[in-house]
Amino acid sequence: MAPGLIELERKFIPGPGIEERLQELGGTLEHQVTFRDTYYDNSELGLMRADYWLRQRENSGWELKCPGAAGVLGPHTKYIELTAEPAIVAQLCEVLGAEALGAGGVAAVLGSLGLQEVASFVTKRSAWKLVLLGADQEEQPLRVDLDTADFGYAVGEVEVLVHEEAEVPAALEKIHRLSSMLGVPAQEKAPAKLIMYLQRFRPQDYQRLLEVNGSREKPQGTKHPDGILD
């Protein structure tokens, strides 16, 4: 797989006063934005069932979240993010067992790969950033996104992006510290927006994802899925 950034994230249900708490911790509101995310898969959910999440974000292009290496325990998730379209196409072909389709864009190969829209919704996001007290001020700040989807679901996410596996343990510790400071219960696992969308509007697909896990737990996804999926 082509190299990409390693995304480490922790989703949580934002309580009242979350923005005031972020300000108390030295956080700054970077921007507020509204965007539409559209997710694609085949009729068998071949991507999502393998923990791959293909998304087109309005005015931002395509992204494929790929499962990171094992070893991240607890309520965190870990994905490799691909945003270069040739790399996304190559990875899609590999996951779906299709012949290589060349260097064309993602939209051009959706039909050939049997991919179709499975979810589309609008998110209002407040994006915050902060550096933990006592940390080197030159360190990359943590991101906290507070999202509300147009179907009424609100979720927060603490996120760090790193380039190397060696950076993962320190990044996870930062996420844990900030989550604790924000009052997030230690083992809280908040579903991604996409998972809640499927649960509400495509319950059969949601059930298929549950069955993949061999348990009754909600799928890890996005980024976020938001994860998914974020």
C-alpha atoms as a PDB file:
ATOM      1  CA  MET A   1       0.000   0.000   0.000  1.00  0.00           C
ATOM      2  CA  ALA A   2       1.207   3.490  -0.787  1.00  0.00           C
ATOM      3  CA  PRO A   3       2.404   5.464   2.241  1.00  0.00           C
ATOM      4  CA  GLY A   4      -0.028   7.757   3.979  1.00  0.00           C
ATOM      5  CA  LEU A   5      -0.522   9.565   7.236  1.00  0.00           C
ATOM      6  CA  ILE A   6      -1.388   7.522  10.324  1.00  0.00           C
ATOM      7  CA  GLU A   7      -4.573   8.847  11.923  1.00  0.00           C
ATOM      8  CA  LEU A   8      -5.135   8.175  15.610  1.00  0.00           C
ATOM      9  CA  GLU A   9      -8.443   9.265  17.046  1.00  0.00           C
ATOM     10  CA  ARG A  10     -10.805   8.995  19.976  1.00  0.00           C
ATOM     11  CA  LYS A  11     -14.490   9.690  19.510  1.00  0.00           C
ATOM     12  CA  PHE A  12     -16.681  10.873  22.367  1.00  0.00           C
ATOM     13  CA  ILE A  13     -20.143  12.246  23.064  1.00  0.00           C
ATOM     14  CA  PRO A  14     -19.673  15.984  23.750  1.00  0.00           C
ATOM     15  CA  GLY A  15     -21.316  17.104  26.968  1.00  0.00           C
ATOM     16  CA  PRO A  16     -22.580  20.561  27.891  1.00  0.00           C
ATOM     17  CA  GLY A  17     -19.851  23.140  28.309  1.00  0.00           C
ATOM     18  CA  ILE A  18     -17.347  21.288  26.109  1.00  0.00           C
ATOM     19  CA  GLU A  19     -16.301  24.453  24.243  1.00  0.00           C
ATOM     20  CA  GLU A  20     -15.809  26.357  27.494  1.00  0.00           C
ATOM     21  CA  ARG A  21     -13.632  23.526  28.748  1.00  0.00           C
ATOM     22  CA  LEU A  22     -11.538  23.616  25.578  1.00  0.00           C
ATOM     23  CA  GLN A  23     -11.000  27.340  26.092  1.00  0.00           C
ATOM     24  CA  GLU A  24      -9.957  26.748  29.709  1.00  0.00           C
ATOM     25  CA  LEU A  25      -7.326  24.284  28.469  1.00  0.00           C
ATOM     26  CA  GLY A  26      -5.910  26.861  26.056  1.00  0.00           C
ATOM     27  CA  GLY A  27      -7.693  25.633  22.956  1.00  0.00           C
ATOM     28  CA  THR A  28      -8.472  27.954  20.069  1.00  0.00           C
ATOM     29  CA  LEU A  29     -11.331  27.701  17.606  1.00  0.00           C
ATOM     30  CA  GLU A  30      -9.711  27.438  14.183  1.00  0.00           C
ATOM     31  CA  HIS A  31     -12.828  27.499  12.041  1.00  0.00           C
ATOM     32  CA  GLN A  32     -16.426  26.441  11.646  1.00  0.00           C
ATOM     33  CA  VAL A  33     -17.446  24.753   8.441  1.00  0.00           C
ATOM     34  CA  THR A  34     -20.329  22.850   6.872  1.00  0.00           C
ATOM     35  CA  PHE A  35     -19.697  20.056   4.379  1.00  0.00           C
ATOM     36  CA  ARG A  36     -21.279  16.988   2.803  1.00  0.00           C
ATOM     37  CA  ASP A  37     -19.663  13.545   3.003  1.00  0.00           C
ATOM     38  CA  THR A  38     -20.659  10.769   0.602  1.00  0.00           C
ATOM     39  CA  TYR A  39     -19.523   7.191   1.252  1.00  0.00           C
ATOM     40  CA  TYR A  40     -19.207   4.436  -1.336  1.00  0.00           C
ATOM     41  CA  ASP A  41     -19.159   0.644  -1.234  1.00  0.00           C
ATOM     42  CA  ASN A  42     -20.426  -2.309  -3.237  1.00  0.00           C
ATOM     43  CA  SER A  43     -23.691  -4.161  -2.634  1.00  0.00           C
ATOM     44  CA  GLU A  44     -21.928  -6.608  -0.301  1.00  0.00           C
ATOM     45  CA  LEU A  45     -20.207  -3.850   1.691  1.00  0.00           C
ATOM     46  CA  GLY A  46     -16.900  -5.384   0.670  1.00  0.00           C
ATOM     47  CA  LEU A  47     -14.918  -2.332   1.755  1.00  0.00           C
ATOM     48  CA  MET A  48     -16.557  -1.594   5.090  1.00  0.00           C
ATOM     49  CA  ARG A  49     -16.614  -5.259   6.083  1.00  0.00           C
ATOM     50  CA  ALA A  50     -12.835  -5.258   5.585  1.00  0.00           C
ATOM     51  CA  ASP A  51     -12.550  -1.986   7.562  1.00  0.00           C
ATOM     52  CA  TYR A  52     -11.857   0.228   4.539  1.00  0.00           C
ATOM     53  CA  TRP A  53     -13.860   3.446   4.226  1.00  0.00           C
ATOM     54  CA  LEU A  54     -14.121   5.356   0.931  1.00  0.00           C
ATOM     55  CA  ARG A  55     -15.386   8.907   1.183  1.00  0.00           C
ATOM     56  CA  GLN A  56     -15.766  11.925  -1.053  1.00  0.00           C
ATOM     57  CA  ARG A  57     -15.915  15.156   0.942  1.00  0.00           C
ATOM     58  CA  GLU A  58     -17.462  18.214  -0.652  1.00  0.00           C
ATOM     59  CA  ASN A  59     -14.744  20.556  -1.944  1.00  0.00           C
ATOM     60  CA  SER A  60     -11.993  18.342  -0.473  1.00  0.00           C
ATOM     61  CA  GLY A  61     -11.750  15.341  -2.760  1.00  0.00           C
ATOM     62  CA  TRP A  62     -11.460  11.619  -2.091  1.00  0.00           C
ATOM     63  CA  GLU A  63     -10.110   9.781   0.944  1.00  0.00           C
ATOM     64  CA  LEU A  64      -9.694   6.084   1.710  1.00  0.00           C
ATOM     65  CA  LYS A  65      -9.182   5.098   5.342  1.00  0.00           C
ATOM     66  CA  CYS A  66      -7.315   1.816   5.630  1.00  0.00           C
ATOM     67  CA  PRO A  67      -6.944  -0.222   8.840  1.00  0.00           C
ATOM     68  CA  GLY A  68      -3.714   0.442  10.713  1.00  0.00           C
ATOM     69  CA  ALA A  69      -1.506  -2.280  12.151  1.00  0.00           C
ATOM     70  CA  ALA A  70      -2.774  -4.122  15.209  1.00  0.00           C
ATOM     71  CA  GLY A  71      -1.765  -2.987  18.653  1.00  0.00           C
ATOM     72  CA  VAL A  72      -4.017  -0.025  19.434  1.00  0.00           C
ATOM     73  CA  LEU A  73      -6.188  -1.071  22.360  1.00  0.00           C
ATOM     74  CA  GLY A  74      -9.037   0.625  24.173  1.00  0.00           C
ATOM     75  CA  PRO A  75     -11.425   3.221  22.724  1.00  0.00           C
ATOM     76  CA  HIS A  76      -8.935   4.603  20.195  1.00  0.00           C
ATOM     77  CA  THR A  77      -8.863   3.850  16.476  1.00  0.00           C
ATOM     78  CA  LYS A  78      -5.966   3.845  14.046  1.00  0.00           C
ATOM     79  CA  TYR A  79      -6.136   4.252  10.278  1.00  0.00           C
ATOM     80  CA  ILE A  80      -3.853   5.008   7.353  1.00  0.00           C
ATOM     81  CA  GLU A  81      -5.293   7.838   5.268  1.00  0.00           C
ATOM     82  CA  LEU A  82      -4.844   7.808   1.501  1.00  0.00           C
ATOM     83  CA  THR A  83      -5.762  10.958  -0.421  1.00  0.00           C
ATOM     84  CA  ALA A  84      -3.819  10.582  -3.695  1.00  0.00           C
ATOM     85  CA  GLU A  85      -6.310   9.174  -6.195  1.00  0.00           C
ATOM     86  CA  PRO A  86      -3.918   6.736  -7.961  1.00  0.00           C
ATOM     87  CA  ALA A  87      -3.021   5.248  -4.562  1.00  0.00           C
ATOM     88  CA  ILE A  88      -6.707   4.996  -3.631  1.00  0.00           C
ATOM     89  CA  VAL A  89      -7.563   3.244  -6.896  1.00  0.00           C
ATOM     90  CA  ALA A  90      -4.691   0.780  -6.487  1.00  0.00           C
ATOM     91  CA  GLN A  91      -5.756  -0.029  -2.918  1.00  0.00           C
ATOM     92  CA  LEU A  92      -9.411  -0.440  -3.912  1.00  0.00           C
ATOM     93  CA  CYS A  93      -8.435  -2.920  -6.609  1.00  0.00           C
ATOM     94  CA  GLU A  94      -6.354  -4.883  -4.116  1.00  0.00           C
ATOM     95  CA  VAL A  95      -9.069  -5.022  -1.451  1.00  0.00           C
ATOM     96  CA  LEU A  96     -11.817  -5.930  -3.913  1.00  0.00           C
ATOM     97  CA  GLY A  97      -9.709  -8.443  -5.832  1.00  0.00           C
ATOM     98  CA  ALA A  98      -9.994  -6.551  -9.113  1.00  0.00           C
ATOM     99  CA  GLU A  99      -7.424  -6.192 -11.865  1.00  0.00           C
ATOM    100  CA  ALA A 100      -5.364  -3.010 -11.813  1.00  0.00           C
ATOM    101  CA  LEU A 101      -7.269  -0.194 -13.514  1.00  0.00           C
ATOM    102  CA  GLY A 102      -4.392   2.143 -14.252  1.00  0.00           C
ATOM    103  CA  ALA A 103      -3.853   5.641 -12.912  1.00  0.00           C
ATOM    104  CA  GLY A 104      -7.324   7.079 -13.511  1.00  0.00           C
ATOM    105  CA  GLY A 105      -9.281   9.008 -10.917  1.00  0.00           C
ATOM    106  CA  VAL A 106     -11.572   7.423  -8.345  1.00  0.00           C
ATOM    107  CA  ALA A 107     -14.822   8.621  -9.951  1.00  0.00           C
ATOM    108  CA  ALA A 108     -13.831   6.975 -13.229  1.00  0.00           C
ATOM    109  CA  VAL A 109     -13.504   3.505 -11.687  1.00  0.00           C
ATOM    110  CA  LEU A 110     -16.529   3.421  -9.376  1.00  0.00           C
ATOM    111  CA  GLY A 111     -18.675   1.631 -11.943  1.00  0.00           C
ATOM    112  CA  SER A 112     -15.960  -0.856 -12.894  1.00  0.00           C
ATOM    113  CA  LEU A 113     -15.526  -1.796  -9.235  1.00  0.00           C
ATOM    114  CA  GLY A 114     -19.258  -1.987  -8.566  1.00  0.00           C
ATOM    115  CA  LEU A 115     -19.117   0.872  -6.064  1.00  0.00           C
ATOM    116  CA  GLN A 116     -22.152   3.014  -5.353  1.00  0.00           C
ATOM    117  CA  GLU A 117     -23.305   5.598  -2.847  1.00  0.00           C
ATOM    118  CA  VAL A 118     -24.340   4.081   0.477  1.00  0.00           C
ATOM    119  CA  ALA A 119     -24.583   7.190   2.652  1.00  0.00           C
ATOM    120  CA  SER A 120     -24.564  10.948   2.263  1.00  0.00           C
ATOM    121  CA  PHE A 121     -25.082  13.579   4.948  1.00  0.00           C
ATOM    122  CA  VAL A 122     -24.135  17.123   5.907  1.00  0.00           C
ATOM    123  CA  THR A 123     -21.991  17.941   8.953  1.00  0.00           C
ATOM    124  CA  LYS A 124     -21.544  21.214  10.818  1.00  0.00           C
ATOM    125  CA  ARG A 125     -18.085  21.225  12.417  1.00  0.00           C
ATOM    126  CA  SER A 126     -16.304  23.392  14.958  1.00  0.00           C
ATOM    127  CA  ALA A 127     -12.587  22.655  14.651  1.00  0.00           C
ATOM    128  CA  TRP A 128     -10.351  23.343  17.663  1.00  0.00           C
ATOM    129  CA  LYS A 129      -6.639  22.938  18.262  1.00  0.00           C
ATOM    130  CA  LEU A 130      -4.521  23.009  21.403  1.00  0.00           C
ATOM    131  CA  VAL A 131      -1.140  22.055  22.807  1.00  0.00           C
ATOM    132  CA  LEU A 132      -1.212  20.232  26.144  1.00  0.00           C
ATOM    133  CA  LEU A 133       0.146  22.160  29.119  1.00  0.00           C
ATOM    134  CA  GLY A 134       3.815  21.339  29.643  1.00  0.00           C
ATOM    135  CA  ALA A 135       4.328  20.090  26.095  1.00  0.00           C
ATOM    136  CA  ASP A 136       6.923  21.536  23.764  1.00  0.00           C
ATOM    137  CA  GLN A 137       5.211  24.468  22.093  1.00  0.00           C
ATOM    138  CA  GLU A 138       6.734  23.387  18.794  1.00  0.00           C
ATOM    139  CA  GLU A 139       4.876  20.080  18.985  1.00  0.00           C
ATOM    140  CA  GLN A 140       2.051  19.477  16.553  1.00  0.00           C
ATOM    141  CA  PRO A 141      -1.165  20.536  18.325  1.00  0.00           C
ATOM    142  CA  LEU A 142      -3.996  18.138  18.961  1.00  0.00           C
ATOM    143  CA  ARG A 143      -7.185  18.574  16.995  1.00  0.00           C
ATOM    144  CA  VAL A 144     -10.637  18.419  18.521  1.00  0.00           C
ATOM    145  CA  ASP A 145     -13.576  18.396  16.116  1.00  0.00           C
ATOM    146  CA  LEU A 146     -17.124  18.905  17.383  1.00  0.00           C
ATOM    147  CA  ASP A 147     -19.576  17.663  14.765  1.00  0.00           C
ATOM    148  CA  THR A 148     -23.341  17.715  14.362  1.00  0.00           C
ATOM    149  CA  ALA A 149     -24.794  15.750  11.446  1.00  0.00           C
ATOM    150  CA  ASP A 150     -27.955  16.831   9.672  1.00  0.00           C
ATOM    151  CA  PHE A 151     -29.793  13.764  11.002  1.00  0.00           C
ATOM    152  CA  GLY A 152     -29.331  14.964  14.575  1.00  0.00           C
ATOM    153  CA  TYR A 153     -26.280  13.067  15.825  1.00  0.00           C
ATOM    154  CA  ALA A 154     -23.507  14.973  17.650  1.00  0.00           C
ATOM    155  CA  VAL A 155     -20.042  13.526  18.226  1.00  0.00           C
ATOM    156  CA  GLY A 156     -16.622  14.834  19.175  1.00  0.00           C
ATOM    157  CA  GLU A 157     -13.209  13.578  18.130  1.00  0.00           C
ATOM    158  CA  VAL A 158      -9.689  14.053  19.479  1.00  0.00           C
ATOM    159  CA  GLU A 159      -7.232  13.394  16.657  1.00  0.00           C
ATOM    160  CA  VAL A 160      -3.492  13.270  16.041  1.00  0.00           C
ATOM    161  CA  LEU A 161      -1.832  12.631  12.675  1.00  0.00           C
ATOM    162  CA  VAL A 162       1.669  11.124  12.629  1.00  0.00           C
ATOM    163  CA  HIS A 163       4.015   9.913   9.912  1.00  0.00           C
ATOM    164  CA  GLU A 164       5.830   7.016  11.600  1.00  0.00           C
ATOM    165  CA  GLU A 165       4.815   4.016  13.709  1.00  0.00           C
ATOM    166  CA  ALA A 166       7.385   5.096  16.307  1.00  0.00           C
ATOM    167  CA  GLU A 167       5.285   8.201  16.992  1.00  0.00           C
ATOM    168  CA  VAL A 168       2.105   6.252  17.781  1.00  0.00           C
ATOM    169  CA  PRO A 169       2.600   5.531  21.542  1.00  0.00           C
ATOM    170  CA  ALA A 170       3.291   9.182  22.404  1.00  0.00           C
ATOM    171  CA  ALA A 171       0.343  10.316  20.281  1.00  0.00           C
ATOM    172  CA  LEU A 172      -1.997   7.878  22.031  1.00  0.00           C
ATOM    173  CA  GLU A 173      -0.835   9.163  25.413  1.00  0.00           C
ATOM    174  CA  LYS A 174      -1.672  12.734  24.358  1.00  0.00           C
ATOM    175  CA  ILE A 175      -5.128  11.667  23.212  1.00  0.00           C
ATOM    176  CA  HIS A 176      -5.695   9.863  26.509  1.00  0.00           C
ATOM    177  CA  ARG A 177      -4.575  12.879  28.567  1.00  0.00           C
ATOM    178  CA  LEU A 178      -6.729  15.353  26.682  1.00  0.00           C
ATOM    179  CA  SER A 179      -9.764  13.055  26.719  1.00  0.00           C
ATOM    180  CA  SER A 180      -9.415  12.757  30.480  1.00  0.00           C
ATOM    181  CA  MET A 181      -9.145  16.546  30.854  1.00  0.00           C
ATOM    182  CA  LEU A 182     -12.339  16.905  28.823  1.00  0.00           C
ATOM    183  CA  GLY A 183     -14.149  14.545  31.171  1.00  0.00           C
ATOM    184  CA  VAL A 184     -14.570  11.713  28.673  1.00  0.00           C
ATOM    185  CA  PRO A 185     -15.211   8.389  30.469  1.00  0.00           C
ATOM    186  CA  ALA A 186     -12.149   6.144  30.150  1.00  0.00           C
ATOM    187  CA  GLN A 187     -13.784   3.401  28.071  1.00  0.00           C
ATOM    188  CA  GLU A 188     -16.481   5.399  26.279  1.00  0.00           C
ATOM    189  CA  LYS A 189     -16.779   4.312  22.639  1.00  0.00           C
ATOM    190  CA  ALA A 190     -18.872   6.761  20.652  1.00  0.00           C
ATOM    191  CA  PRO A 191     -20.001   5.555  17.211  1.00  0.00           C
ATOM    192  CA  ALA A 192     -18.904   7.458  14.126  1.00  0.00           C
ATOM    193  CA  LYS A 193     -21.455   9.482  12.178  1.00  0.00           C
ATOM    194  CA  LEU A 194     -21.511   6.971   9.337  1.00  0.00           C
ATOM    195  CA  ILE A 195     -22.253   4.085  11.703  1.00  0.00           C
ATOM    196  CA  MET A 196     -25.172   5.985  13.240  1.00  0.00           C
ATOM    197  CA  TYR A 197     -26.442   6.847   9.758  1.00  0.00           C
ATOM    198  CA  LEU A 198     -26.449   3.186   8.750  1.00  0.00           C
ATOM    199  CA  GLN A 199     -28.081   2.151  12.009  1.00  0.00           C
ATOM    200  CA  ARG A 200     -30.925   4.621  11.483  1.00  0.00           C
ATOM    201  CA  PHE A 201     -31.443   4.533   7.730  1.00  0.00           C
ATOM    202  CA  ARG A 202     -29.890   1.266   6.466  1.00  0.00           C
ATOM    203  CA  PRO A 203     -30.389  -1.168   9.355  1.00  0.00           C
ATOM    204  CA  GLN A 204     -29.712  -4.243   7.220  1.00  0.00           C
ATOM    205  CA  ASP A 205     -26.296  -2.896   6.236  1.00  0.00           C
ATOM    206  CA  TYR A 206     -25.616  -1.948   9.841  1.00  0.00           C
ATOM    207  CA  GLN A 207     -26.439  -5.491  10.909  1.00  0.00           C
ATOM    208  CA  ARG A 208     -24.026  -6.878   8.315  1.00  0.00           C
ATOM    209  CA  LEU A 209     -21.217  -4.847   9.820  1.00  0.00           C
ATOM    210  CA  LEU A 210     -22.068  -6.128  13.287  1.00  0.00           C
ATOM    211  CA  GLU A 211     -21.900  -9.703  12.049  1.00  0.00           C
ATOM    212  CA  VAL A 212     -18.372  -9.186  10.721  1.00  0.00           C
ATOM    213  CA  ASN A 213     -17.152  -8.571  14.254  1.00  0.00           C
ATOM    214  CA  GLY A 214     -18.624 -11.832  15.489  1.00  0.00           C
ATOM    215  CA  SER A 215     -20.102  -9.946  18.440  1.00  0.00           C
ATOM    216  CA  ARG A 216     -22.848  -7.485  19.267  1.00  0.00           C
ATOM    217  CA  GLU A 217     -20.445  -4.552  19.611  1.00  0.00           C
ATOM    218  CA  LYS A 218     -20.685  -1.629  17.255  1.00  0.00           C
ATOM    219  CA  PRO A 219     -18.138  -1.633  14.416  1.00  0.00           C
ATOM    220  CA  GLN A 220     -14.967   0.360  15.093  1.00  0.00           C
ATOM    221  CA  GLY A 221     -15.573   2.630  12.094  1.00  0.00           C
ATOM    222  CA  THR A 222     -15.287   6.514  10.968  1.00  0.00           C
ATOM    223  CA  LYS A 223     -13.199   8.441  10.536  1.00  0.00           C
ATOM    224  CA  HIS A 224     -14.946   6.994  11.590  1.00  0.00           C
ATOM    225  CA  PRO A 225     -15.760   5.519  10.407  1.00  0.00           C
ATOM    226  CA  ASP A 226     -15.831   9.780  10.544  1.00  0.00           C
ATOM    227  CA  GLY A 227     -14.834   7.083  11.205  1.00  0.00           C
ATOM    228  CA  ILE A 228     -14.862   7.222   9.365  1.00  0.00           C
ATOM    229  CA  LEU A 229     -14.718   7.851   9.356  1.00  0.00           C
ATOM    230  CA  ASP A 230     -14.458  11.778  10.757  1.00  0.00           C
END
